[in-house]
Amino acid sequence: MQPENSNLAQVYAALAYYYANQAEVETLLAEEVAEYARLVAEQAVGS
């Protein structure tokens, strides 16, 4: 049984993109994590 909104070709394409652009993807993810941490800290100070 396949998930409704994806198929094997989409999964393969996503993995291929990730491996072809791994450094950029990892950088973007690290930036998102840092932004989340900043917002959490900002919220804690404001509480």
C-alpha atoms as a PDB file:
ATOM      1  CA  MET A   1       0.000   0.000   0.000  1.00  0.00           C
ATOM      2  CA  GLN A   2       1.417   3.404  -1.017  1.00  0.00           C
ATOM      3  CA  PRO A   3       0.862   6.695   0.771  1.00  0.00           C
ATOM      4  CA  GLU A   4      -1.768   8.738  -1.037  1.00  0.00           C
ATOM      5  CA  ASN A   5       0.392  11.746  -1.919  1.00  0.00           C
ATOM      6  CA  SER A   6       3.649  10.133  -2.985  1.00  0.00           C
ATOM      7  CA  ASN A   7       4.975   7.448  -5.199  1.00  0.00           C
ATOM      8  CA  LEU A   8       8.290   5.771  -5.732  1.00  0.00           C
ATOM      9  CA  ALA A   9       9.350   8.237  -8.442  1.00  0.00           C
ATOM     10  CA  GLN A  10       8.751  11.201  -6.120  1.00  0.00           C
ATOM     11  CA  VAL A  11      10.742   9.564  -3.338  1.00  0.00           C
ATOM     12  CA  TYR A  12      13.587   8.799  -5.745  1.00  0.00           C
ATOM     13  CA  ALA A  13      13.543  12.388  -7.051  1.00  0.00           C
ATOM     14  CA  ALA A  14      13.672  13.801  -3.522  1.00  0.00           C
ATOM     15  CA  LEU A  15      16.587  11.552  -2.571  1.00  0.00           C
ATOM     16  CA  ALA A  16      18.419  12.327  -5.808  1.00  0.00           C
ATOM     17  CA  TYR A  17      18.005  16.057  -5.180  1.00  0.00           C
ATOM     18  CA  TYR A  18      19.218  15.697  -1.605  1.00  0.00           C
ATOM     19  CA  TYR A  19      22.329  13.739  -2.563  1.00  0.00           C
ATOM     20  CA  ALA A  20      23.116  16.092  -5.466  1.00  0.00           C
ATOM     21  CA  ASN A  21      22.745  19.153  -3.207  1.00  0.00           C
ATOM     22  CA  GLN A  22      23.576  17.711   0.204  1.00  0.00           C
ATOM     23  CA  ALA A  23      25.804  20.570   1.399  1.00  0.00           C
ATOM     24  CA  GLU A  24      23.224  23.209   0.478  1.00  0.00           C
ATOM     25  CA  VAL A  25      20.354  21.234   2.021  1.00  0.00           C
ATOM     26  CA  GLU A  26      22.313  20.670   5.240  1.00  0.00           C
ATOM     27  CA  THR A  27      23.172  24.386   5.403  1.00  0.00           C
ATOM     28  CA  LEU A  28      19.523  25.358   4.970  1.00  0.00           C
ATOM     29  CA  LEU A  29      18.430  22.870   7.628  1.00  0.00           C
ATOM     30  CA  ALA A  30      21.062  24.176  10.055  1.00  0.00           C
ATOM     31  CA  GLU A  31      19.840  27.736   9.444  1.00  0.00           C
ATOM     32  CA  GLU A  32      16.262  26.661  10.166  1.00  0.00           C
ATOM     33  CA  VAL A  33      17.318  24.947  13.405  1.00  0.00           C
ATOM     34  CA  ALA A  34      19.249  28.048  14.477  1.00  0.00           C
ATOM     35  CA  GLU A  35      16.276  30.289  13.708  1.00  0.00           C
ATOM     36  CA  TYR A  36      13.983  28.002  15.705  1.00  0.00           C
ATOM     37  CA  ALA A  37      16.369  28.091  18.662  1.00  0.00           C
ATOM     38  CA  ARG A  38      16.543  31.884  18.437  1.00  0.00           C
ATOM     39  CA  LEU A  39      12.752  32.189  18.429  1.00  0.00           C
ATOM     40  CA  VAL A  40      12.398  29.806  21.368  1.00  0.00           C
ATOM     41  CA  ALA A  41      14.967  31.805  23.346  1.00  0.00           C
ATOM     42  CA  GLU A  42      13.243  35.064  22.411  1.00  0.00           C
ATOM     43  CA  GLN A  43       9.902  33.671  23.552  1.00  0.00           C
ATOM     44  CA  ALA A  44      11.396  32.508  26.861  1.00  0.00           C
ATOM     45  CA  VAL A  45      12.802  35.969  27.554  1.00  0.00           C
ATOM     46  CA  GLY A  46       9.437  37.541  26.760  1.00  0.00           C
ATOM     47  CA  SER A  47       7.513  35.236  29.090  1.00  0.00           C
END
